[in-house]
PDB file of N, CA and C in Angstrom:
ATOM      1  N   UNK A   1       0.818  -1.199   0.000  1.00  0.00           N
ATOM      2  CA  UNK A   1       0.000   0.000   0.000  1.00  0.00           C
ATOM      3  C   UNK A   1       0.862   1.264   0.000  1.00  0.00           C
ATOM      4  N   UNK A   2       2.063   1.169   0.558  1.00  0.00           N
ATOM      5  CA  UNK A   2       2.941   2.338   0.607  1.00  0.00           C
ATOM      6  C   UNK A   2       3.306   2.836  -0.777  1.00  0.00           C
ATOM      7  N   UNK A   3       3.436   1.915  -1.738  1.00  0.00           N
ATOM      8  CA  UNK A   3       3.767   2.321  -3.097  1.00  0.00           C
ATOM      9  C   UNK A   3       2.592   3.031  -3.748  1.00  0.00           C
ATOM     10  N   UNK A   4       1.394   2.660  -3.382  1.00  0.00           N
ATOM     11  CA  UNK A   4       0.202   3.373  -3.871  1.00  0.00           C
ATOM     12  C   UNK A   4       0.194   4.790  -3.306  1.00  0.00           C
ATOM     13  N   UNK A   5       0.516   4.918  -2.018  1.00  0.00           N
ATOM     14  CA  UNK A   5       0.588   6.243  -1.402  1.00  0.00           C
ATOM     15  C   UNK A   5       1.667   7.092  -2.071  1.00  0.00           C
ATOM     16  N   UNK A   6       2.799   6.467  -2.400  1.00  0.00           N
ATOM     17  CA  UNK A   6       3.864   7.209  -3.069  1.00  0.00           C
ATOM     18  C   UNK A   6       3.401   7.659  -4.456  1.00  0.00           C
ATOM     19  N   UNK A   7       2.706   6.804  -5.168  1.00  0.00           N
ATOM     20  CA  UNK A   7       2.169   7.180  -6.482  1.00  0.00           C
ATOM     21  C   UNK A   7       1.182   8.348  -6.356  1.00  0.00           C
ATOM     22  N   UNK A   8       0.319   8.295  -5.359  1.00  0.00           N
ATOM     23  CA  UNK A   8      -0.627   9.393  -5.126  1.00  0.00           C
ATOM     24  C   UNK A   8       0.112  10.688  -4.774  1.00  0.00           C
ATOM     25  N   UNK A   9       1.187  10.563  -3.992  1.00  0.00           N
ATOM     26  CA  UNK A   9       1.995  11.736  -3.645  1.00  0.00           C
ATOM     27  C   UNK A   9       2.616  12.353  -4.895  1.00  0.00           C
ATOM     28  N   UNK A  10       3.084  11.506  -5.799  1.00  0.00           N
ATOM     29  CA  UNK A  10       3.684  11.996  -7.040  1.00  0.00           C
ATOM     30  C   UNK A  10       2.636  12.695  -7.899  1.00  0.00           C
ATOM     31  N   UNK A  11       1.474  12.085  -8.029  1.00  0.00           N
ATOM     32  CA  UNK A  11       0.408  12.681  -8.826  1.00  0.00           C
ATOM     33  C   UNK A  11       0.010  14.045  -8.260  1.00  0.00           C
ATOM     34  N   UNK A  12      -0.148  14.123  -6.946  1.00  0.00           N
ATOM     35  CA  UNK A  12      -0.520  15.402  -6.323  1.00  0.00           C
ATOM     36  C   UNK A  12       0.579  16.442  -6.491  1.00  0.00           C
ATOM     37  N   UNK A  13       1.833  16.025  -6.380  1.00  0.00           N
ATOM     38  CA  UNK A  13       2.944  16.967  -6.537  1.00  0.00           C
ATOM     39  C   UNK A  13       2.989  17.505  -7.960  1.00  0.00           C
ATOM     40  N   UNK A  14       2.770  16.640  -8.934  1.00  0.00           N
ATOM     41  CA  UNK A  14       2.764  17.063 -10.341  1.00  0.00           C
ATOM     42  C   UNK A  14       1.601  18.030 -10.592  1.00  0.00           C
ATOM     43  N   UNK A  15       0.448  17.735 -10.019  1.00  0.00           N
ATOM     44  CA  UNK A  15      -0.691  18.656 -10.150  1.00  0.00           C
ATOM     45  C   UNK A  15      -0.363  20.006  -9.522  1.00  0.00           C
ATOM     46  N   UNK A  16       0.240  19.984  -8.335  1.00  0.00           N
ATOM     47  CA  UNK A  16       0.600  21.224  -7.653  1.00  0.00           C
ATOM     48  C   UNK A  16       1.577  22.058  -8.452  1.00  0.00           C
ATOM     49  N   UNK A  17       2.573  21.411  -9.045  1.00  0.00           N
ATOM     50  CA  UNK A  17       3.555  22.135  -9.842  1.00  0.00           C
ATOM     51  C   UNK A  17       2.916  22.693 -11.118  1.00  0.00           C
ATOM     52  N   UNK A  18       2.025  21.929 -11.705  1.00  0.00           N
ATOM     53  CA  UNK A  18       1.319  22.414 -12.902  1.00  0.00           C
ATOM     54  C   UNK A  18       0.440  23.614 -12.564  1.00  0.00           C
ATOM     55  N   UNK A  19      -0.264  23.524 -11.446  1.00  0.00           N
ATOM     56  CA  UNK A  19      -1.067  24.669 -11.001  1.00  0.00           C
ATOM     57  C   UNK A  19      -0.178  25.879 -10.715  1.00  0.00           C
ATOM     58  N   UNK A  20       0.994  25.628 -10.145  1.00  0.00           N
ATOM     59  CA  UNK A  20       1.914  26.718  -9.817  1.00  0.00           C
ATOM     60  C   UNK A  20       2.290  27.500 -11.070  1.00  0.00           C
ATOM     61  N   UNK A  21       2.498  26.799 -12.173  1.00  0.00           N
ATOM     62  CA  UNK A  21       2.801  27.462 -13.448  1.00  0.00           C
ATOM     63  C   UNK A  21       1.640  28.378 -13.860  1.00  0.00           C
ATOM     64  N   UNK A  22       0.412  27.953 -13.537  1.00  0.00           N
ATOM     65  CA  UNK A  22      -0.775  28.710 -13.942  1.00  0.00           C
ATOM     66  C   UNK A  22      -1.116  29.874 -13.009  1.00  0.00           C
ATOM     67  N   UNK A  23      -0.437  29.990 -11.858  1.00  0.00           N
ATOM     68  CA  UNK A  23      -0.769  31.066 -10.915  1.00  0.00           C
ATOM     69  C   UNK A  23      -0.331  32.440 -11.404  1.00  0.00           C
ATOM     70  N   UNK A  24       0.562  32.473 -12.399  1.00  0.00           N
ATOM     71  CA  UNK A  24       1.047  33.747 -12.933  1.00  0.00           C
ATOM     72  C   UNK A  24       1.632  34.614 -11.817  1.00  0.00           C
ATOM     73  N   UNK A  25       2.571  34.024 -11.092  1.00  0.00           N
ATOM     74  CA  UNK A  25       3.214  34.757 -10.006  1.00  0.00           C
ATOM     75  C   UNK A  25       2.295  35.001  -8.828  1.00  0.00           C
ATOM     76  N   UNK A  26       1.462  34.030  -8.527  1.00  0.00           N
ATOM     77  CA  UNK A  26       0.493  34.074  -7.416  1.00  0.00           C
ATOM     78  C   UNK A  26      -0.604  35.110  -7.624  1.00  0.00           C
ATOM     79  N   UNK A  27      -0.831  35.519  -8.871  1.00  0.00           N
ATOM     80  CA  UNK A  27      -1.877  36.512  -9.114  1.00  0.00           C
ATOM     81  C   UNK A  27      -3.216  35.874  -9.503  1.00  0.00           C
ATOM     82  N   UNK A  28      -3.214  34.626  -9.918  1.00  0.00           N
ATOM     83  CA  UNK A  28      -4.451  33.924 -10.263  1.00  0.00           C
ATOM     84  C   UNK A  28      -4.868  33.067  -9.071  1.00  0.00           C
ATOM     85  N   UNK A  29      -6.001  33.372  -8.498  1.00  0.00           N
ATOM     86  CA  UNK A  29      -6.417  32.766  -7.239  1.00  0.00           C
ATOM     87  C   UNK A  29      -6.784  31.288  -7.338  1.00  0.00           C
ATOM     88  N   UNK A  30      -7.535  30.904  -8.335  1.00  0.00           N
ATOM     89  CA  UNK A  30      -7.977  29.511  -8.440  1.00  0.00           C
ATOM     90  C   UNK A  30      -6.793  28.541  -8.575  1.00  0.00           C
ATOM     91  N   UNK A  31      -5.830  28.784  -9.470  1.00  0.00           N
ATOM     92  CA  UNK A  31      -4.670  27.894  -9.524  1.00  0.00           C
ATOM     93  C   UNK A  31      -3.845  27.920  -8.234  1.00  0.00           C
ATOM     94  N   UNK A  32      -3.870  29.057  -7.546  1.00  0.00           N
ATOM     95  CA  UNK A  32      -3.150  29.148  -6.275  1.00  0.00           C
ATOM     96  C   UNK A  32      -3.738  28.184  -5.252  1.00  0.00           C
ATOM     97  N   UNK A  33      -5.058  28.114  -5.166  1.00  0.00           N
ATOM     98  CA  UNK A  33      -5.691  27.147  -4.268  1.00  0.00           C
ATOM     99  C   UNK A  33      -5.389  25.720  -4.706  1.00  0.00           C
ATOM    100  N   UNK A  34      -5.394  25.480  -6.016  1.00  0.00           N
ATOM    101  CA  UNK A  34      -5.035  24.166  -6.531  1.00  0.00           C
ATOM    102  C   UNK A  34      -3.618  23.776  -6.141  1.00  0.00           C
ATOM    103  N   UNK A  35      -2.704  24.733  -6.221  1.00  0.00           N
ATOM    104  CA  UNK A  35      -1.320  24.495  -5.823  1.00  0.00           C
ATOM    105  C   UNK A  35      -1.239  24.118  -4.354  1.00  0.00           C
ATOM    106  N   UNK A  36      -1.881  24.914  -3.520  1.00  0.00           N
ATOM    107  CA  UNK A  36      -1.828  24.693  -2.072  1.00  0.00           C
ATOM    108  C   UNK A  36      -2.362  23.309  -1.693  1.00  0.00           C
ATOM    109  N   UNK A  37      -3.547  22.988  -2.173  1.00  0.00           N
ATOM    110  CA  UNK A  37      -4.161  21.716  -1.777  1.00  0.00           C
ATOM    111  C   UNK A  37      -3.457  20.519  -2.413  1.00  0.00           C
ATOM    112  N   UNK A  38      -2.953  20.676  -3.619  1.00  0.00           N
ATOM    113  CA  UNK A  38      -2.208  19.578  -4.240  1.00  0.00           C
ATOM    114  C   UNK A  38      -0.942  19.264  -3.452  1.00  0.00           C
ATOM    115  N   UNK A  39      -0.210  20.298  -3.062  1.00  0.00           N
ATOM    116  CA  UNK A  39       0.998  20.062  -2.264  1.00  0.00           C
ATOM    117  C   UNK A  39       0.654  19.521  -0.879  1.00  0.00           C
ATOM    118  N   UNK A  40      -0.418  19.999  -0.294  1.00  0.00           N
ATOM    119  CA  UNK A  40      -0.850  19.493   1.003  1.00  0.00           C
ATOM    120  C   UNK A  40      -1.103  17.989   0.939  1.00  0.00           C
ATOM    121  N   UNK A  41      -1.883  17.568  -0.057  1.00  0.00           N
ATOM    122  CA  UNK A  41      -2.160  16.140  -0.204  1.00  0.00           C
ATOM    123  C   UNK A  41      -0.915  15.358  -0.594  1.00  0.00           C
ATOM    124  N   UNK A  42      -0.039  15.960  -1.383  1.00  0.00           N
ATOM    125  CA  UNK A  42       1.196  15.288  -1.766  1.00  0.00           C
ATOM    126  C   UNK A  42       2.037  14.954  -0.545  1.00  0.00           C
ATOM    127  N   UNK A  43       2.211  15.922   0.348  1.00  0.00           N
ATOM    128  CA  UNK A  43       2.998  15.668   1.547  1.00  0.00           C
ATOM    129  C   UNK A  43       2.296  14.685   2.484  1.00  0.00           C
ATOM    130  N   UNK A  44       0.976  14.732   2.518  1.00  0.00           N
ATOM    131  CA  UNK A  44       0.234  13.772   3.340  1.00  0.00           C
ATOM    132  C   UNK A  44       0.480  12.346   2.838  1.00  0.00           C
ATOM    133  N   UNK A  45       0.311  12.127   1.530  1.00  0.00           N
ATOM    134  CA  UNK A  45       0.516  10.787   0.982  1.00  0.00           C
ATOM    135  C   UNK A  45       1.976  10.360   1.090  1.00  0.00           C
ATOM    136  N   UNK A  46       2.902  11.309   0.918  1.00  0.00           N
ATOM    137  CA  UNK A  46       4.314  10.977   1.081  1.00  0.00           C
ATOM    138  C   UNK A  46       4.592  10.531   2.510  1.00  0.00           C
ATOM    139  N   UNK A  47       3.987  11.189   3.483  1.00  0.00           N
ATOM    140  CA  UNK A  47       4.194  10.790   4.880  1.00  0.00           C
ATOM    141  C   UNK A  47       3.670   9.385   5.137  1.00  0.00           C
ATOM    142  N   UNK A  48       2.569   9.014   4.484  1.00  0.00           N
ATOM    143  CA  UNK A  48       2.050   7.651   4.628  1.00  0.00           C
ATOM    144  C   UNK A  48       2.987   6.639   3.968  1.00  0.00           C
ATOM    145  N   UNK A  49       3.534   6.993   2.827  1.00  0.00           N
ATOM    146  CA  UNK A  49       4.464   6.099   2.134  1.00  0.00           C
ATOM    147  C   UNK A  49       5.730   5.875   2.959  1.00  0.00           C
ATOM    148  N   UNK A  50       6.139   6.902   3.698  1.00  0.00           N
ATOM    149  CA  UNK A  50       7.381   6.821   4.468  1.00  0.00           C
ATOM    150  C   UNK A  50       7.277   5.900   5.683  1.00  0.00           C
ATOM    151  N   UNK A  51       6.087   5.400   5.953  1.00  0.00           N
ATOM    152  CA  UNK A  51       5.956   4.447   7.061  1.00  0.00           C
ATOM    153  C   UNK A  51       6.731   3.167   6.780  1.00  0.00           C
ATOM    154  N   UNK A  52       6.823   2.773   5.507  1.00  0.00           N
ATOM    155  CA  UNK A  52       7.527   1.521   5.195  1.00  0.00           C
ATOM    156  C   UNK A  52       8.605   1.667   4.122  1.00  0.00           C
ATOM    157  N   UNK A  53       8.605   2.756   3.360  1.00  0.00           N
ATOM    158  CA  UNK A  53       9.640   2.970   2.346  1.00  0.00           C
ATOM    159  C   UNK A  53      10.690   3.892   2.951  1.00  0.00           C
ATOM    160  N   UNK A  54      11.964   3.564   2.737  1.00  0.00           N
ATOM    161  CA  UNK A  54      13.020   4.394   3.321  1.00  0.00           C
ATOM    162  C   UNK A  54      12.978   5.809   2.730  1.00  0.00           C
ATOM    163  N   UNK A  55      13.379   6.759   3.534  1.00  0.00           N
ATOM    164  CA  UNK A  55      13.287   8.178   3.182  1.00  0.00           C
ATOM    165  C   UNK A  55      14.018   8.505   1.889  1.00  0.00           C
ATOM    166  N   UNK A  56      15.262   8.053   1.767  1.00  0.00           N
ATOM    167  CA  UNK A  56      16.056   8.376   0.583  1.00  0.00           C
ATOM    168  C   UNK A  56      15.450   7.831  -0.697  1.00  0.00           C
ATOM    169  N   UNK A  57      14.975   6.604  -0.635  1.00  0.00           N
ATOM    170  CA  UNK A  57      14.385   5.974  -1.821  1.00  0.00           C
ATOM    171  C   UNK A  57      13.062   6.645  -2.173  1.00  0.00           C
ATOM    172  N   UNK A  58      12.208   6.852  -1.184  1.00  0.00           N
ATOM    173  CA  UNK A  58      10.898   7.466  -1.435  1.00  0.00           C
ATOM    174  C   UNK A  58      11.065   8.873  -2.004  1.00  0.00           C
ATOM    175  N   UNK A  59      11.957   9.653  -1.424  1.00  0.00           N
ATOM    176  CA  UNK A  59      12.140  11.025  -1.879  1.00  0.00           C
ATOM    177  C   UNK A  59      12.731  11.062  -3.287  1.00  0.00           C
ATOM    178  N   UNK A  60      13.681  10.174  -3.562  1.00  0.00           N
ATOM    179  CA  UNK A  60      14.281  10.132  -4.895  1.00  0.00           C
ATOM    180  C   UNK A  60      13.250   9.744  -5.951  1.00  0.00           C
ATOM    181  N   UNK A  61      12.411   8.774  -5.640  1.00  0.00           N
ATOM    182  CA  UNK A  61      11.380   8.363  -6.586  1.00  0.00           C
ATOM    183  C   UNK A  61      10.351   9.478  -6.748  1.00  0.00           C
ATOM    184  N   UNK A  62       9.931  10.071  -5.637  1.00  0.00           N
ATOM    185  CA  UNK A  62       8.954  11.171  -5.656  1.00  0.00           C
ATOM    186  C   UNK A  62       9.461  12.313  -6.532  1.00  0.00           C
ATOM    187  N   UNK A  63      10.701  12.710  -6.292  1.00  0.00           N
ATOM    188  CA  UNK A  63      11.283  13.817  -7.049  1.00  0.00           C
ATOM    189  C   UNK A  63      11.599  13.445  -8.487  1.00  0.00           C
ATOM    190  N   UNK A  64      12.213  12.287  -8.697  1.00  0.00           N
ATOM    191  CA  UNK A  64      12.626  11.875 -10.032  1.00  0.00           C
ATOM    192  C   UNK A  64      11.473  11.643 -10.978  1.00  0.00           C
ATOM    193  N   UNK A  65      10.481  10.898 -10.523  1.00  0.00           N
ATOM    194  CA  UNK A  65       9.311  10.652 -11.373  1.00  0.00           C
ATOM    195  C   UNK A  65       8.560  11.961 -11.616  1.00  0.00           C
ATOM    196  N   UNK A  66       8.497  12.799 -10.581  1.00  0.00           N
ATOM    197  CA  UNK A  66       7.861  14.107 -10.748  1.00  0.00           C
ATOM    198  C   UNK A  66       8.550  14.945 -11.801  1.00  0.00           C
ATOM    199  N   UNK A  67       9.879  14.934 -11.825  1.00  0.00           N
ATOM    200  CA  UNK A  67      10.643  15.692 -12.818  1.00  0.00           C
ATOM    201  C   UNK A  67      10.320  15.212 -14.227  1.00  0.00           C
ATOM    202  N   UNK A  68      10.273  13.909 -14.401  1.00  0.00           N
ATOM    203  CA  UNK A  68       9.988  13.358 -15.727  1.00  0.00           C
ATOM    204  C   UNK A  68       8.587  13.758 -16.186  1.00  0.00           C
ATOM    205  N   UNK A  69       7.597  13.593 -15.310  1.00  0.00           N
ATOM    206  CA  UNK A  69       6.217  13.906 -15.689  1.00  0.00           C
ATOM    207  C   UNK A  69       6.049  15.407 -15.943  1.00  0.00           C
ATOM    208  N   UNK A  70       6.642  16.235 -15.079  1.00  0.00           N
ATOM    209  CA  UNK A  70       6.546  17.686 -15.258  1.00  0.00           C
ATOM    210  C   UNK A  70       7.218  18.127 -16.557  1.00  0.00           C
ATOM    211  N   UNK A  71       8.317  17.503 -16.905  1.00  0.00           N
ATOM    212  CA  UNK A  71       8.974  17.829 -18.166  1.00  0.00           C
ATOM    213  C   UNK A  71       8.056  17.514 -19.345  1.00  0.00           C
ATOM    214  N   UNK A  72       7.383  16.371 -19.276  1.00  0.00           N
ATOM    215  CA  UNK A  72       6.444  16.011 -20.349  1.00  0.00           C
ATOM    216  C   UNK A  72       5.240  16.956 -20.391  1.00  0.00           C
ATOM    217  N   UNK A  73       4.729  17.330 -19.220  1.00  0.00           N
ATOM    218  CA  UNK A  73       3.618  18.287 -19.169  1.00  0.00           C
ATOM    219  C   UNK A  73       4.060  19.638 -19.728  1.00  0.00           C
ATOM    220  N   UNK A  74       5.261  20.065 -19.369  1.00  0.00           N
ATOM    221  CA  UNK A  74       5.792  21.319 -19.903  1.00  0.00           C
ATOM    222  C   UNK A  74       5.885  21.297 -21.415  1.00  0.00           C
ATOM    223  N   UNK A  75       6.296  20.161 -21.947  1.00  0.00           N
ATOM    224  CA  UNK A  75       6.420  20.021 -23.398  1.00  0.00           C
ATOM    225  C   UNK A  75       5.051  20.014 -24.079  1.00  0.00           C
ATOM    226  N   UNK A  76       4.122  19.225 -23.557  1.00  0.00           N
ATOM    227  CA  UNK A  76       2.814  19.049 -24.194  1.00  0.00           C
ATOM    228  C   UNK A  76       1.900  20.254 -23.964  1.00  0.00           C
ATOM    229  N   UNK A  77       1.806  20.703 -22.726  1.00  0.00           N
ATOM    230  CA  UNK A  77       0.818  21.741 -22.377  1.00  0.00           C
ATOM    231  C   UNK A  77       1.343  23.165 -22.508  1.00  0.00           C
ATOM    232  N   UNK A  78       2.637  23.364 -22.232  1.00  0.00           N
ATOM    233  CA  UNK A  78       3.176  24.723 -22.211  1.00  0.00           C
ATOM    234  C   UNK A  78       4.182  24.969 -23.336  1.00  0.00           C
ATOM    235  N   UNK A  79       4.331  23.989 -24.224  1.00  0.00           N
ATOM    236  CA  UNK A  79       5.187  24.104 -25.404  1.00  0.00           C
ATOM    237  C   UNK A  79       6.632  24.463 -25.047  1.00  0.00           C
ATOM    238  N   UNK A  80       7.114  23.884 -23.949  1.00  0.00           N
ATOM    239  CA  UNK A  80       8.502  24.092 -23.541  1.00  0.00           C
ATOM    240  C   UNK A  80       9.385  23.086 -24.277  1.00  0.00           C
ATOM    241  N   UNK A  81      10.528  23.526 -24.751  1.00  0.00           N
ATOM    242  CA  UNK A  81      11.397  22.606 -25.507  1.00  0.00           C
ATOM    243  C   UNK A  81      12.088  21.597 -24.580  1.00  0.00           C
ATOM    244  N   UNK A  82      12.450  20.464 -25.162  1.00  0.00           N
ATOM    245  CA  UNK A  82      13.259  19.471 -24.443  1.00  0.00           C
ATOM    246  C   UNK A  82      14.507  19.218 -25.294  1.00  0.00           C
ATOM    247  N   UNK A  83      15.539  20.028 -25.101  1.00  0.00           N
ATOM    248  CA  UNK A  83      16.765  19.830 -25.877  1.00  0.00           C
ATOM    249  C   UNK A  83      17.428  18.488 -25.516  1.00  0.00           C
ATOM    250  N   UNK A  84      18.323  18.065 -26.381  1.00  0.00           N
ATOM    251  CA  UNK A  84      18.976  16.766 -26.215  1.00  0.00           C
ATOM    252  C   UNK A  84      19.642  16.615 -24.846  1.00  0.00           C
ATOM    253  N   UNK A  85      20.411  17.616 -24.423  1.00  0.00           N
ATOM    254  CA  UNK A  85      21.114  17.496 -23.137  1.00  0.00           C
ATOM    255  C   UNK A  85      20.139  17.396 -21.965  1.00  0.00           C
ATOM    256  N   UNK A  86      19.055  18.128 -22.039  1.00  0.00           N
ATOM    257  CA  UNK A  86      18.032  18.046 -20.990  1.00  0.00           C
ATOM    258  C   UNK A  86      17.477  16.625 -20.923  1.00  0.00           C
ATOM    259  N   UNK A  87      17.177  16.061 -22.073  1.00  0.00           N
ATOM    260  CA  UNK A  87      16.663  14.693 -22.123  1.00  0.00           C
ATOM    261  C   UNK A  87      17.707  13.702 -21.608  1.00  0.00           C
ATOM    262  N   UNK A  88      18.961  13.917 -21.937  1.00  0.00           N
ATOM    263  CA  UNK A  88      20.031  13.022 -21.481  1.00  0.00           C
ATOM    264  C   UNK A  88      20.138  13.038 -19.959  1.00  0.00           C
ATOM    265  N   UNK A  89      20.084  14.221 -19.364  1.00  0.00           N
ATOM    266  CA  UNK A  89      20.210  14.302 -17.913  1.00  0.00           C
ATOM    267  C   UNK A  89      18.960  13.786 -17.205  1.00  0.00           C
ATOM    268  N   UNK A  90      17.807  13.979 -17.791  1.00  0.00           N
ATOM    269  CA  UNK A  90      16.585  13.400 -17.216  1.00  0.00           C
ATOM    270  C   UNK A  90      16.659  11.881 -17.278  1.00  0.00           C
ATOM    271  N   UNK A  91      17.241  11.353 -18.340  1.00  0.00           N
ATOM    272  CA  UNK A  91      17.449   9.905 -18.434  1.00  0.00           C
ATOM    273  C   UNK A  91      18.356   9.425 -17.312  1.00  0.00           C
ATOM    274  N   UNK A  92      19.369  10.204 -16.976  1.00  0.00           N
ATOM    275  CA  UNK A  92      20.243   9.850 -15.843  1.00  0.00           C
ATOM    276  C   UNK A  92      19.446   9.795 -14.542  1.00  0.00           C
ATOM    277  N   UNK A  93      18.524  10.732 -14.369  1.00  0.00           N
ATOM    278  CA  UNK A  93      17.680  10.723 -13.174  1.00  0.00           C
ATOM    279  C   UNK A  93      16.841   9.457 -13.131  1.00  0.00           C
ATOM    280  N   UNK A  94      16.262   9.088 -14.264  1.00  0.00           N
ATOM    281  CA  UNK A  94      15.428   7.881 -14.326  1.00  0.00           C
ATOM    282  C   UNK A  94      16.261   6.645 -13.996  1.00  0.00           C
ATOM    283  N   UNK A  95      17.453   6.549 -14.548  1.00  0.00           N
ATOM    284  CA  UNK A  95      18.324   5.408 -14.255  1.00  0.00           C
ATOM    285  C   UNK A  95      18.656   5.366 -12.768  1.00  0.00           C
ATOM    286  N   UNK A  96      18.919   6.501 -12.169  1.00  0.00           N
ATOM    287  CA  UNK A  96      19.199   6.551 -10.732  1.00  0.00           C
ATOM    288  C   UNK A  96      18.006   6.126  -9.896  1.00  0.00           C
ATOM    289  N   UNK A  97      16.816   6.578 -10.265  1.00  0.00           N
ATOM    290  CA  UNK A  97      15.609   6.218  -9.529  1.00  0.00           C
ATOM    291  C   UNK A  97      15.353   4.715  -9.635  1.00  0.00           C
ATOM    292  N   UNK A  98      15.500   4.169 -10.832  1.00  0.00           N
ATOM    293  CA  UNK A  98      15.304   2.729 -11.005  1.00  0.00           C
ATOM    294  C   UNK A  98      16.348   1.969 -10.191  1.00  0.00           C
ATOM    295  N   UNK A  99      17.577   2.431 -10.204  1.00  0.00           N
ATOM    296  CA  UNK A  99      18.615   1.788  -9.403  1.00  0.00           C
ATOM    297  C   UNK A  99      18.318   1.808  -7.920  1.00  0.00           C
ATOM    298  N   UNK A 100      17.827   2.936  -7.424  1.00  0.00           N
ATOM    299  CA  UNK A 100      17.450   3.010  -6.015  1.00  0.00           C
ATOM    300  C   UNK A 100      16.304   2.066  -5.683  1.00  0.00           C
ATOM    301  N   UNK A 101      15.345   1.994  -6.583  1.00  0.00           N
ATOM    302  CA  UNK A 101      14.194   1.098  -6.365  1.00  0.00           C
ATOM    303  C   UNK A 101      14.639  -0.351  -6.312  1.00  0.00           C
ATOM    304  N   UNK A 102      15.603  -0.710  -7.158  1.00  0.00           N
ATOM    305  CA  UNK A 102      16.100  -2.083  -7.191  1.00  0.00           C
ATOM    306  C   UNK A 102      16.886  -2.440  -5.932  1.00  0.00           C
ATOM    307  N   UNK A 103      17.439  -1.445  -5.263  1.00  0.00           N
ATOM    308  CA  UNK A 103      18.200  -1.720  -4.042  1.00  0.00           C
ATOM    309  C   UNK A 103      17.339  -1.698  -2.794  1.00  0.00           C
ATOM    310  N   UNK A 104      16.078  -1.261  -2.922  1.00  0.00           N
ATOM    311  CA  UNK A 104      15.157  -1.199  -1.775  1.00  0.00           C
ATOM    312  C   UNK A 104      14.777  -2.604  -1.367  1.00  0.00           C
ATOM    313  N   UNK A 105      14.860  -2.880  -0.074  1.00  0.00           N
ATOM    314  CA  UNK A 105      14.480  -4.218   0.443  1.00  0.00           C
ATOM    315  C   UNK A 105      13.021  -4.313   0.694  1.00  0.00           C
TER     316      UNK A 105
END
């Protein structure tokens, strides 16, 4: 169940970051509330995941998977470019996250 909580934490964090982009420097109120509540739920689910998943592994997966998804959202929704070097370094993050997951007992 902890992995489900971690997945929910990642989804909420990605939603919060996406809403943050839409706040226009905290001037748009509705996305601001979305940001706040998404991050609130993200940390709640992360805290539940941390009951059985080690801190370093959970945080690396939370952050790494979030980076990958946010990069894709930036590309698809906000038309942000993904240059080759950016993709190469994101691939390094993915390899590191998978490696950490494989070492988790």
